[in-house]
Amino acid sequence: MNLSGWTLQDEDGRTYIFDDYRLRGRATVRIHTGIGRDTRTDLYQDRRHYVWDSHSDTATLRNDRGRFIDEVSSGHHHSRR
């Protein structure tokens, strides 16, 4: 699956944009807030501060056309679909 241009966004609007990334079938990828070297299984946002709220937050995944794909929440939250 070509994820180029897809976005992962938190409730505060901080957005990670997938750049030229292909996810293989049955594979997973972890998105890290910090600084690091991208691999097939780990991608880094290269931010110096945490993105995800430790009390509650929602991660929303959208495709390259902005269409809602999925979301996951932790703690007390409000859906923003």
Protein backbone atom coordinates (compact mmCIF):
# COMPACT_ATOMS: atom_id res chain seq x y z
CA MET A 1 0.00 0.00 0.00
CA ASN A 2 1.42 3.35 -1.00
CA LEU A 3 0.99 5.70 2.00
CA SER A 4 2.65 8.71 0.37
CA GLY A 5 0.67 11.83 1.29
CA TRP A 6 -1.36 10.07 4.00
CA THR A 7 -1.59 11.88 7.35
CA LEU A 8 -1.63 10.95 11.01
CA GLN A 9 -2.99 13.73 13.20
CA ASP A 10 -3.53 14.25 16.94
CA GLU A 11 -6.47 16.12 18.52
CA ASP A 12 -4.49 19.38 18.58
CA GLY A 13 -3.93 19.26 14.83
CA ARG A 14 -0.26 18.27 14.85
CA THR A 15 0.13 16.32 11.65
CA TYR A 16 2.64 13.77 10.38
CA ILE A 17 2.67 13.34 6.59
CA PHE A 18 3.91 10.06 5.15
CA ASP A 19 6.58 10.81 2.55
CA ASP A 20 7.27 8.20 -0.14
CA TYR A 21 6.42 5.20 2.05
CA ARG A 22 5.06 1.81 1.01
CA LEU A 23 3.60 -0.55 3.59
CA ARG A 24 3.91 -4.20 2.64
CA GLY A 25 1.00 -6.62 3.04
CA ARG A 26 0.48 -7.81 6.63
CA ALA A 27 3.23 -5.44 7.79
CA THR A 28 3.07 -2.81 10.52
CA VAL A 29 4.82 0.50 10.99
CA ARG A 30 5.38 2.49 14.19
CA ILE A 31 5.34 6.28 14.07
CA HIS A 32 7.66 7.85 16.64
CA THR A 33 7.47 11.45 17.81
CA GLY A 34 11.21 11.90 18.29
CA ILE A 35 14.22 12.11 16.06
CA GLY A 36 15.56 8.99 14.38
CA ARG A 37 16.36 7.22 11.17
CA ASP A 38 13.37 5.89 9.22
CA THR A 39 13.27 2.15 8.50
CA ARG A 40 10.63 -0.16 7.01
CA THR A 41 9.12 -0.72 10.46
CA ASP A 42 9.73 2.62 12.19
CA LEU A 43 9.15 6.18 10.99
CA TYR A 44 10.13 9.33 12.91
CA GLN A 45 8.36 12.70 13.04
CA ASP A 46 11.65 14.40 13.99
CA ARG A 47 9.98 16.51 16.69
CA ARG A 48 11.79 17.54 19.86
CA HIS A 49 8.61 17.50 22.00
CA TYR A 50 5.93 14.89 22.59
CA VAL A 51 2.90 14.99 20.32
CA TRP A 52 0.55 12.57 22.06
CA ASP A 53 -1.18 13.73 25.25
CA SER A 54 -0.47 11.26 28.05
CA HIS A 55 -3.96 11.75 29.60
CA SER A 56 -6.09 11.45 26.47
CA ASP A 57 -5.66 11.85 22.74
CA THR A 58 -6.92 10.56 19.41
CA ALA A 59 -4.79 9.61 16.43
CA THR A 60 -6.61 10.01 13.12
CA LEU A 61 -5.37 8.45 9.88
CA ARG A 62 -6.45 9.96 6.55
CA ASN A 63 -5.50 8.98 3.02
CA ASP A 64 -3.82 11.27 0.49
CA ARG A 65 -7.22 12.72 -0.44
CA GLY A 66 -8.09 13.59 3.16
CA ARG A 67 -10.60 10.76 3.53
CA PHE A 68 -10.98 9.32 7.02
CA ILE A 69 -9.46 5.83 7.28
CA ASP A 70 -9.23 5.03 10.99
CA GLU A 71 -8.66 6.44 14.44
CA VAL A 72 -7.59 5.21 17.85
CA SER A 73 -8.09 6.98 21.17
CA SER A 74 -6.70 6.73 24.66
CA GLY A 75 -8.16 8.11 27.88
CA HIS A 76 -11.18 10.44 27.93
CA HIS A 77 -11.68 11.94 24.48
CA HIS A 78 -14.17 13.40 22.03
CA SER A 79 -14.35 12.01 18.50
CA ARG A 80 -13.68 14.63 15.77
CA ARG A 81 -14.61 12.75 12.63
